[in-house]
Amino acid sequence: MAEVNILGIFGNRYLKESFSLYLEEKLSIKKFFSKIDRHLKVRLFKKIIRRLPDGVVIMINGQLVHSPAKYDVPIKDSDQVSIIRIIAGG
């Protein structure tokens, strides 16, 4: 099971979610984000992957995904994926 952790404001929703997704095979981040959307019954993350907004951090097994070129990193069943929206203010 791939572990998914989501924290932050995405679209106009605050999300604090942790869940597992079963993967039969390795998936690209794009396909994995579509699977997250289906699980949450939303259309948020597939849109995010097209153009990573400022303040959105994606980590796979604790390693930061730095650029769109890295979106081809395959997600496998034992991975942990974190999607975090950084918010700052004062």
C-alpha atoms as a PDB file:
ATOM      1  CA  MET A   1       0.000   0.000   0.000  1.00  0.00           C
ATOM      2  CA  ALA A   2       1.281   3.457  -0.901  1.00  0.00           C
ATOM      3  CA  GLU A   3       0.825   5.846   2.020  1.00  0.00           C
ATOM      4  CA  VAL A   4      -0.548   9.296   1.182  1.00  0.00           C
ATOM      5  CA  ASN A   5      -0.400  12.372   3.430  1.00  0.00           C
ATOM      6  CA  ILE A   6      -2.010  15.641   2.354  1.00  0.00           C
ATOM      7  CA  LEU A   7      -1.937  18.858   4.348  1.00  0.00           C
ATOM      8  CA  GLY A   8      -2.917  22.386   3.367  1.00  0.00           C
ATOM      9  CA  ILE A   9      -5.306  24.464   1.318  1.00  0.00           C
ATOM     10  CA  PHE A  10      -5.911  23.107  -2.178  1.00  0.00           C
ATOM     11  CA  GLY A  11      -8.428  24.868  -4.379  1.00  0.00           C
ATOM     12  CA  ASN A  12     -10.746  26.338  -1.781  1.00  0.00           C
ATOM     13  CA  ARG A  13     -10.585  23.370   0.596  1.00  0.00           C
ATOM     14  CA  TYR A  14      -8.446  22.713   3.646  1.00  0.00           C
ATOM     15  CA  LEU A  15      -7.289  19.109   3.575  1.00  0.00           C
ATOM     16  CA  LYS A  16      -5.670  17.084   6.322  1.00  0.00           C
ATOM     17  CA  GLU A  17      -5.810  13.545   4.979  1.00  0.00           C
ATOM     18  CA  SER A  18      -3.852  10.343   5.517  1.00  0.00           C
ATOM     19  CA  PHE A  19      -4.803   7.166   3.688  1.00  0.00           C
ATOM     20  CA  SER A  20      -3.399   4.185   1.806  1.00  0.00           C
ATOM     21  CA  LEU A  21      -3.818   3.353  -1.866  1.00  0.00           C
ATOM     22  CA  TYR A  22      -3.229  -0.077  -3.341  1.00  0.00           C
ATOM     23  CA  LEU A  23      -1.116  -0.008  -6.477  1.00  0.00           C
ATOM     24  CA  GLU A  24      -0.976  -3.055  -8.722  1.00  0.00           C
ATOM     25  CA  GLU A  25       1.930  -1.567 -10.655  1.00  0.00           C
ATOM     26  CA  LYS A  26       4.239   1.441 -10.606  1.00  0.00           C
ATOM     27  CA  LEU A  27       2.476   4.659 -11.581  1.00  0.00           C
ATOM     28  CA  SER A  28       3.724   8.045 -12.746  1.00  0.00           C
ATOM     29  CA  ILE A  29       3.022  10.896 -10.343  1.00  0.00           C
ATOM     30  CA  LYS A  30       0.404  12.182 -12.800  1.00  0.00           C
ATOM     31  CA  LYS A  31      -1.519   8.882 -12.732  1.00  0.00           C
ATOM     32  CA  PHE A  32      -1.016   8.599  -8.981  1.00  0.00           C
ATOM     33  CA  PHE A  33      -2.524  12.093  -8.499  1.00  0.00           C
ATOM     34  CA  SER A  34      -5.534  11.034 -10.601  1.00  0.00           C
ATOM     35  CA  LYS A  35      -5.937   8.073  -8.253  1.00  0.00           C
ATOM     36  CA  ILE A  36      -5.838  10.444  -5.256  1.00  0.00           C
ATOM     37  CA  ASP A  37      -8.576  12.568  -6.874  1.00  0.00           C
ATOM     38  CA  ARG A  38     -10.760   9.481  -7.341  1.00  0.00           C
ATOM     39  CA  HIS A  39     -10.176   8.434  -3.729  1.00  0.00           C
ATOM     40  CA  LEU A  40     -11.102  11.885  -2.375  1.00  0.00           C
ATOM     41  CA  LYS A  41     -13.881  12.388  -4.961  1.00  0.00           C
ATOM     42  CA  VAL A  42     -12.389  15.729  -6.075  1.00  0.00           C
ATOM     43  CA  ARG A  43     -10.604  17.199  -9.074  1.00  0.00           C
ATOM     44  CA  LEU A  44      -7.731  18.974  -7.393  1.00  0.00           C
ATOM     45  CA  PHE A  45      -4.490  17.088  -7.685  1.00  0.00           C
ATOM     46  CA  LYS A  46      -4.579  16.236 -11.376  1.00  0.00           C
ATOM     47  CA  LYS A  47      -4.767  20.011 -11.991  1.00  0.00           C
ATOM     48  CA  ILE A  48      -1.885  20.707  -9.591  1.00  0.00           C
ATOM     49  CA  ILE A  49       0.480  18.339 -11.370  1.00  0.00           C
ATOM     50  CA  ARG A  50       0.074  20.248 -14.669  1.00  0.00           C
ATOM     51  CA  ARG A  51       1.687  23.298 -13.108  1.00  0.00           C
ATOM     52  CA  LEU A  52       3.015  23.057  -9.576  1.00  0.00           C
ATOM     53  CA  PRO A  53       1.718  26.152  -7.744  1.00  0.00           C
ATOM     54  CA  ASP A  54       3.974  28.176  -5.463  1.00  0.00           C
ATOM     55  CA  GLY A  55       4.044  26.754  -1.984  1.00  0.00           C
ATOM     56  CA  VAL A  56       3.172  23.166  -2.923  1.00  0.00           C
ATOM     57  CA  VAL A  57       5.750  20.606  -1.851  1.00  0.00           C
ATOM     58  CA  ILE A  58       5.735  16.996  -3.032  1.00  0.00           C
ATOM     59  CA  MET A  59       7.859  14.435  -1.232  1.00  0.00           C
ATOM     60  CA  ILE A  60       8.324  10.769  -2.060  1.00  0.00           C
ATOM     61  CA  ASN A  61       9.818   8.703   0.750  1.00  0.00           C
ATOM     62  CA  GLY A  62      11.066  11.912   2.364  1.00  0.00           C
ATOM     63  CA  GLN A  63      12.808  13.109  -0.809  1.00  0.00           C
ATOM     64  CA  LEU A  64      11.703  16.410  -2.307  1.00  0.00           C
ATOM     65  CA  VAL A  65      10.459  16.345  -5.910  1.00  0.00           C
ATOM     66  CA  HIS A  66      12.102  19.525  -7.179  1.00  0.00           C
ATOM     67  CA  SER A  67      10.834  20.150 -10.688  1.00  0.00           C
ATOM     68  CA  PRO A  68       8.323  19.053 -13.316  1.00  0.00           C
ATOM     69  CA  ALA A  69      11.079  17.010 -14.941  1.00  0.00           C
ATOM     70  CA  LYS A  70      10.988  14.802 -11.835  1.00  0.00           C
ATOM     71  CA  TYR A  71       7.276  14.053 -12.328  1.00  0.00           C
ATOM     72  CA  ASP A  72       8.221  10.892 -14.198  1.00  0.00           C
ATOM     73  CA  VAL A  73       9.426   9.329 -10.945  1.00  0.00           C
ATOM     74  CA  PRO A  74       7.416   6.122 -10.579  1.00  0.00           C
ATOM     75  CA  ILE A  75       5.348   5.587  -7.431  1.00  0.00           C
ATOM     76  CA  LYS A  76       5.304   1.999  -6.199  1.00  0.00           C
ATOM     77  CA  ASP A  77       3.132   0.206  -3.679  1.00  0.00           C
ATOM     78  CA  SER A  78       5.534   0.637  -0.736  1.00  0.00           C
ATOM     79  CA  ASP A  79       6.131   4.396  -1.190  1.00  0.00           C
ATOM     80  CA  GLN A  80       5.091   7.239   1.073  1.00  0.00           C
ATOM     81  CA  VAL A  81       3.872  10.353  -0.755  1.00  0.00           C
ATOM     82  CA  SER A  82       3.352  13.673   1.024  1.00  0.00           C
ATOM     83  CA  ILE A  83       1.686  16.698  -0.576  1.00  0.00           C
ATOM     84  CA  ILE A  84       1.964  19.838   1.511  1.00  0.00           C
ATOM     85  CA  ARG A  85       0.857  23.412   0.858  1.00  0.00           C
ATOM     86  CA  ILE A  86       3.179  25.786   2.668  1.00  0.00           C
ATOM     87  CA  ILE A  87       1.423  28.839   4.090  1.00  0.00           C
ATOM     88  CA  ALA A  88       3.268  31.782   5.576  1.00  0.00           C
ATOM     89  CA  GLY A  89       2.060  34.942   7.119  1.00  0.00           C
ATOM     90  CA  GLY A  90       2.584  37.312   9.920  1.00  0.00           C
END
